[in-house]
Protein backbone atom coordinates (compact mmCIF):
# COMPACT_ATOMS: atom_id res chain seq x y z
CA MET A 1 48.81 1.29 -8.98
CA LYS A 2 45.75 1.46 -6.11
CA ILE A 3 42.99 1.14 -8.51
CA LEU A 4 44.41 -1.56 -10.43
CA LEU A 5 44.32 -3.67 -6.68
CA ARG A 6 40.76 -2.74 -6.45
CA TYR A 7 39.41 -3.63 -9.75
CA PHE A 8 42.02 -6.91 -8.69
CA ALA A 9 40.62 -7.50 -5.16
CA TRP A 10 37.35 -6.56 -6.54
CA PHE A 11 37.74 -9.42 -9.62
CA LEU A 12 39.15 -12.02 -6.90
CA LEU A 13 35.31 -11.16 -4.54
CA SER A 14 33.11 -10.96 -7.46
CA HIS A 15 33.83 -14.28 -7.70
CA SER A 16 33.06 -15.52 -4.59
CA ILE A 17 30.40 -16.65 -3.72
CA TYR A 18 30.68 -14.79 0.15
CA PHE A 19 30.98 -11.21 -1.27
CA TRP A 20 27.41 -12.33 -3.01
CA VAL A 21 25.97 -13.36 0.78
CA ILE A 22 28.08 -9.24 2.21
CA THR A 23 26.51 -7.53 -0.54
CA GLY A 24 23.18 -9.11 0.27
CA VAL A 25 23.56 -8.98 4.07
CA VAL A 26 24.24 -5.00 3.38
CA LEU A 27 21.83 -4.40 1.45
CA SER A 28 18.69 -5.85 3.56
CA LEU A 29 20.36 -3.85 6.28
CA ASN A 30 20.18 -0.51 4.44
CA LYS A 31 17.12 -1.31 3.53
CA ILE A 32 15.96 -2.46 7.10
CA SER A 33 17.30 1.75 8.86
CA THR A 34 15.92 3.31 6.43
CA GLU A 35 12.67 2.65 6.95
CA LEU A 36 12.80 2.03 10.61
CA ARG A 37 14.93 5.89 10.01
CA GLU A 38 11.58 6.21 7.84
CA LYS A 39 9.10 5.18 10.24
CA LEU A 40 10.75 6.66 13.57
CA LYS A 41 10.47 9.91 11.54
CA ASN A 42 7.29 9.88 11.03
CA SER A 43 6.24 8.59 14.72
CA GLN A 44 8.71 12.07 15.45
CA GLU A 45 5.89 13.80 13.47
CA LYS A 46 3.02 12.46 15.93
CA ILE A 47 4.56 13.38 18.62
CA ASN A 48 5.12 16.77 17.72
CA PHE A 49 2.09 17.51 16.18
CA LEU A 50 0.68 16.09 19.87
CA ARG A 51 2.38 18.39 21.82
CA GLU A 52 2.11 21.26 19.81
CA ASN A 53 -2.04 21.07 19.77
CA LYS A 54 -2.42 19.24 23.52
CA LYS A 55 -5.07 21.51 24.56
CA ARG A 56 -6.87 20.89 20.72
CA VAL A 57 -5.81 17.20 21.50
CA GLU A 58 -7.15 17.02 25.35
CA TRP A 59 -10.84 18.74 24.00
CA ALA A 60 -11.13 15.90 21.12
CA ILE A 61 -10.71 13.63 23.54
CA ILE A 62 -13.48 14.88 26.05
CA ALA A 63 -15.46 15.79 23.59
CA GLY A 64 -15.70 11.98 22.95
CA TRP A 65 -15.68 10.46 25.92
CA LYS A 66 -18.51 12.55 26.14
CA ARG A 67 -20.22 12.02 22.99
CA PRO A 68 -23.25 9.43 23.67
CA ASN A 69 -22.67 6.03 22.31
CA ILE A 70 -26.13 5.33 21.00
CA ALA A 71 -25.66 1.94 19.78
CA GLY A 72 -23.23 1.05 22.70
CA PRO A 73 -26.46 -0.75 24.01
CA TRP A 74 -27.54 -2.62 21.61
CA LYS A 75 -24.49 -3.76 20.61
CA MET A 76 -24.46 -6.14 24.19
CA MET A 77 -27.72 -7.19 23.54
CA ARG A 78 -27.22 -8.72 20.29
CA GLY A 79 -26.21 -12.27 21.54
CA VAL A 80 -29.57 -12.62 23.47
CA ASP A 81 -31.93 -10.88 20.59
CA ASP A 82 -31.66 -8.77 17.40
CA SER A 83 -34.58 -7.15 18.18
CA PRO A 84 -33.51 -3.03 19.43
CA ILE A 85 -35.78 -3.80 23.11
CA SER A 86 -35.16 -6.63 24.93
CA TRP A 87 -38.25 -8.03 26.96
């Protein structure tokens, strides 16, 4: 009897516009929450990687700061002159 009532209720609701609106909202919320869960998982993996490799990351940052930026001065002079030496 319960099964017949469920099918009858589903039949009545399926012909209602509200059923389709509610179904669409629920499905879109489910998709959004799944995407957010994946992003959170990826960001958590990045945080774990940084924690595990803290020294390596610190040395990579230090090496990046100490590496000379050869194109740096020319970038600033580009608006004034295209040649590498500005007199």
